[in-house]
N, C-alpha and C. Protein backbone atom coordinates (compact mmCIF):
# COMPACT_ATOMS: atom_id res chain seq x y z
N MET A 1 51.83 -9.99 -42.93
CA MET A 1 50.73 -9.31 -42.29
C MET A 1 50.96 -7.82 -42.41
N ALA A 2 50.06 -7.12 -43.00
CA ALA A 2 50.20 -5.68 -43.19
C ALA A 2 50.22 -4.98 -41.84
N GLY A 3 51.17 -4.06 -41.68
CA GLY A 3 51.25 -3.28 -40.45
C GLY A 3 52.15 -3.87 -39.38
N LEU A 4 52.60 -5.08 -39.55
CA LEU A 4 53.50 -5.69 -38.57
C LEU A 4 54.91 -5.18 -38.83
N PRO A 5 55.53 -4.51 -37.84
CA PRO A 5 56.86 -3.96 -38.06
C PRO A 5 57.92 -5.07 -38.08
N ALA A 6 59.10 -4.71 -38.53
CA ALA A 6 60.23 -5.63 -38.44
C ALA A 6 60.52 -5.84 -36.96
N LEU A 7 60.59 -7.08 -36.55
CA LEU A 7 60.76 -7.40 -35.14
C LEU A 7 62.20 -7.76 -34.83
N ASN A 8 62.59 -7.47 -33.61
CA ASN A 8 63.89 -7.92 -33.12
C ASN A 8 63.64 -8.72 -31.85
N ALA A 9 64.69 -9.18 -31.20
CA ALA A 9 64.54 -10.04 -30.02
C ALA A 9 63.76 -9.35 -28.90
N ALA A 10 63.87 -8.03 -28.78
CA ALA A 10 63.17 -7.32 -27.72
C ALA A 10 61.70 -7.08 -28.06
N SER A 11 61.41 -6.73 -29.30
CA SER A 11 60.03 -6.40 -29.67
C SER A 11 59.17 -7.63 -29.92
N VAL A 12 59.76 -8.79 -30.10
CA VAL A 12 58.96 -9.99 -30.34
C VAL A 12 58.14 -10.35 -29.10
N ASN A 13 58.52 -9.83 -27.93
CA ASN A 13 57.75 -10.07 -26.72
C ASN A 13 56.42 -9.35 -26.73
N LYS A 14 56.21 -8.46 -27.69
CA LYS A 14 54.95 -7.74 -27.83
C LYS A 14 54.02 -8.43 -28.82
N LEU A 15 54.45 -9.55 -29.37
CA LEU A 15 53.70 -10.28 -30.38
C LEU A 15 53.07 -11.52 -29.74
N PHE A 16 51.77 -11.69 -29.98
CA PHE A 16 51.06 -12.84 -29.45
C PHE A 16 50.33 -13.52 -30.60
N VAL A 17 50.48 -14.83 -30.69
CA VAL A 17 49.84 -15.60 -31.76
C VAL A 17 49.00 -16.69 -31.11
N PHE A 18 47.75 -16.79 -31.57
CA PHE A 18 46.82 -17.77 -31.03
C PHE A 18 46.30 -18.65 -32.16
N ARG A 19 46.08 -19.90 -31.86
CA ARG A 19 45.47 -20.83 -32.82
C ARG A 19 44.27 -21.45 -32.14
N ASN A 20 43.09 -21.17 -32.66
CA ASN A 20 41.84 -21.66 -32.08
C ASN A 20 41.74 -21.29 -30.61
N GLY A 21 42.23 -20.11 -30.25
CA GLY A 21 42.15 -19.62 -28.88
C GLY A 21 43.29 -20.01 -27.97
N ALA A 22 44.15 -20.92 -28.42
CA ALA A 22 45.29 -21.35 -27.61
C ALA A 22 46.52 -20.54 -28.01
N LYS A 23 47.21 -20.00 -27.01
CA LYS A 23 48.40 -19.18 -27.28
C LYS A 23 49.56 -20.07 -27.74
N LEU A 24 50.20 -19.65 -28.82
CA LEU A 24 51.37 -20.36 -29.33
C LEU A 24 52.63 -19.75 -28.73
N ARG A 25 53.66 -20.55 -28.57
CA ARG A 25 54.92 -20.11 -27.97
C ARG A 25 55.91 -19.73 -29.06
N HIS A 26 56.56 -18.57 -28.85
CA HIS A 26 57.56 -18.10 -29.81
C HIS A 26 58.74 -19.07 -29.83
N THR A 27 59.29 -19.30 -30.97
CA THR A 27 60.40 -20.20 -31.31
C THR A 27 60.04 -21.67 -31.17
N THR A 28 59.00 -22.01 -30.42
CA THR A 28 58.56 -23.40 -30.34
C THR A 28 57.46 -23.66 -31.36
N ASP A 29 56.45 -22.78 -31.38
CA ASP A 29 55.30 -22.96 -32.25
C ASP A 29 55.25 -21.98 -33.42
N PHE A 30 55.93 -20.83 -33.29
CA PHE A 30 55.95 -19.87 -34.40
C PHE A 30 57.24 -19.07 -34.36
N ASP A 31 57.57 -18.48 -35.50
CA ASP A 31 58.76 -17.63 -35.62
C ASP A 31 58.36 -16.37 -36.38
N ALA A 32 58.81 -15.22 -35.88
CA ALA A 32 58.47 -13.96 -36.54
C ALA A 32 59.69 -13.12 -36.84
N LEU A 33 60.87 -13.62 -36.62
CA LEU A 33 62.08 -12.82 -36.80
C LEU A 33 62.74 -13.03 -38.16
N THR A 34 62.28 -13.98 -38.94
CA THR A 34 62.97 -14.30 -40.18
C THR A 34 62.66 -13.31 -41.31
N THR A 35 61.40 -12.90 -41.46
CA THR A 35 61.01 -11.99 -42.53
C THR A 35 60.08 -10.93 -41.96
N ALA A 36 60.35 -9.67 -42.24
CA ALA A 36 59.51 -8.58 -41.74
C ALA A 36 58.07 -8.74 -42.23
N GLY A 37 57.12 -8.59 -41.32
CA GLY A 37 55.71 -8.68 -41.67
C GLY A 37 55.19 -10.09 -41.83
N THR A 38 55.98 -11.09 -41.46
CA THR A 38 55.58 -12.48 -41.62
C THR A 38 55.67 -13.23 -40.31
N VAL A 39 54.63 -13.99 -40.00
CA VAL A 39 54.65 -14.90 -38.86
C VAL A 39 54.56 -16.30 -39.44
N THR A 40 55.53 -17.14 -39.13
CA THR A 40 55.57 -18.50 -39.64
C THR A 40 55.26 -19.46 -38.52
N ILE A 41 54.19 -20.23 -38.68
CA ILE A 41 53.85 -21.22 -37.67
C ILE A 41 54.63 -22.48 -37.99
N THR A 42 55.44 -22.90 -37.04
CA THR A 42 56.24 -24.12 -37.21
C THR A 42 55.54 -25.23 -36.45
N TYR A 43 55.34 -26.33 -37.10
CA TYR A 43 54.62 -27.41 -36.45
C TYR A 43 55.06 -28.75 -37.00
N ASP A 44 54.86 -29.74 -36.18
CA ASP A 44 55.06 -31.13 -36.56
C ASP A 44 53.66 -31.73 -36.67
N ALA A 45 53.36 -32.38 -37.74
CA ALA A 45 52.02 -32.91 -37.95
C ALA A 45 51.57 -33.82 -36.81
N ALA A 46 52.50 -34.48 -36.14
CA ALA A 46 52.14 -35.36 -35.02
C ALA A 46 51.88 -34.57 -33.74
N ASP A 47 52.65 -33.51 -33.51
CA ASP A 47 52.53 -32.73 -32.27
C ASP A 47 51.51 -31.60 -32.37
N LEU A 48 51.45 -30.92 -33.51
CA LEU A 48 50.59 -29.76 -33.66
C LEU A 48 49.97 -29.79 -35.06
N PRO A 49 49.00 -30.69 -35.28
CA PRO A 49 48.41 -30.77 -36.62
C PRO A 49 47.63 -29.51 -36.96
N MET A 50 47.66 -29.11 -38.21
CA MET A 50 46.93 -27.95 -38.70
C MET A 50 45.73 -28.46 -39.51
N TYR A 51 44.61 -27.76 -39.36
CA TYR A 51 43.39 -28.15 -40.06
C TYR A 51 42.87 -26.97 -40.87
N ALA A 52 42.08 -27.24 -41.89
CA ALA A 52 41.58 -26.20 -42.79
C ALA A 52 40.75 -25.15 -42.06
N GLY A 53 40.04 -25.52 -41.02
CA GLY A 53 39.18 -24.57 -40.33
C GLY A 53 39.83 -23.85 -39.16
N ASP A 54 41.13 -24.02 -38.95
CA ASP A 54 41.82 -23.37 -37.84
C ASP A 54 41.74 -21.86 -37.95
N VAL A 55 41.56 -21.21 -36.79
CA VAL A 55 41.52 -19.74 -36.73
C VAL A 55 42.82 -19.26 -36.11
N ILE A 56 43.59 -18.47 -36.85
CA ILE A 56 44.85 -17.92 -36.38
C ILE A 56 44.63 -16.44 -36.08
N GLU A 57 44.98 -16.03 -34.87
CA GLU A 57 44.84 -14.63 -34.47
C GLU A 57 46.21 -14.10 -34.08
N ILE A 58 46.58 -12.95 -34.63
CA ILE A 58 47.87 -12.34 -34.34
C ILE A 58 47.63 -10.98 -33.69
N GLN A 59 48.24 -10.77 -32.55
CA GLN A 59 48.11 -9.51 -31.83
C GLN A 59 49.50 -8.94 -31.62
N TYR A 60 49.65 -7.63 -31.84
CA TYR A 60 50.90 -6.93 -31.59
C TYR A 60 50.60 -5.69 -30.80
N ILE A 61 51.27 -5.51 -29.69
CA ILE A 61 51.07 -4.35 -28.82
C ILE A 61 52.18 -3.36 -29.09
N LYS A 62 51.84 -2.14 -29.49
CA LYS A 62 52.85 -1.11 -29.77
C LYS A 62 53.43 -0.57 -28.50
């Protein structure tokens, strides 16, 4: 994601990720500390299925 800074354990609390309006939980549903500028949604197809029309919204508060 362009403009997303490299995150550390303290700054990741300023990152919010939503899927179809539902807030995802850091380390449970998504990870953003592995690669700068990247948010990876981690999911199990049985617990959190992903669909082609899903809307992902990423918010970062400076």
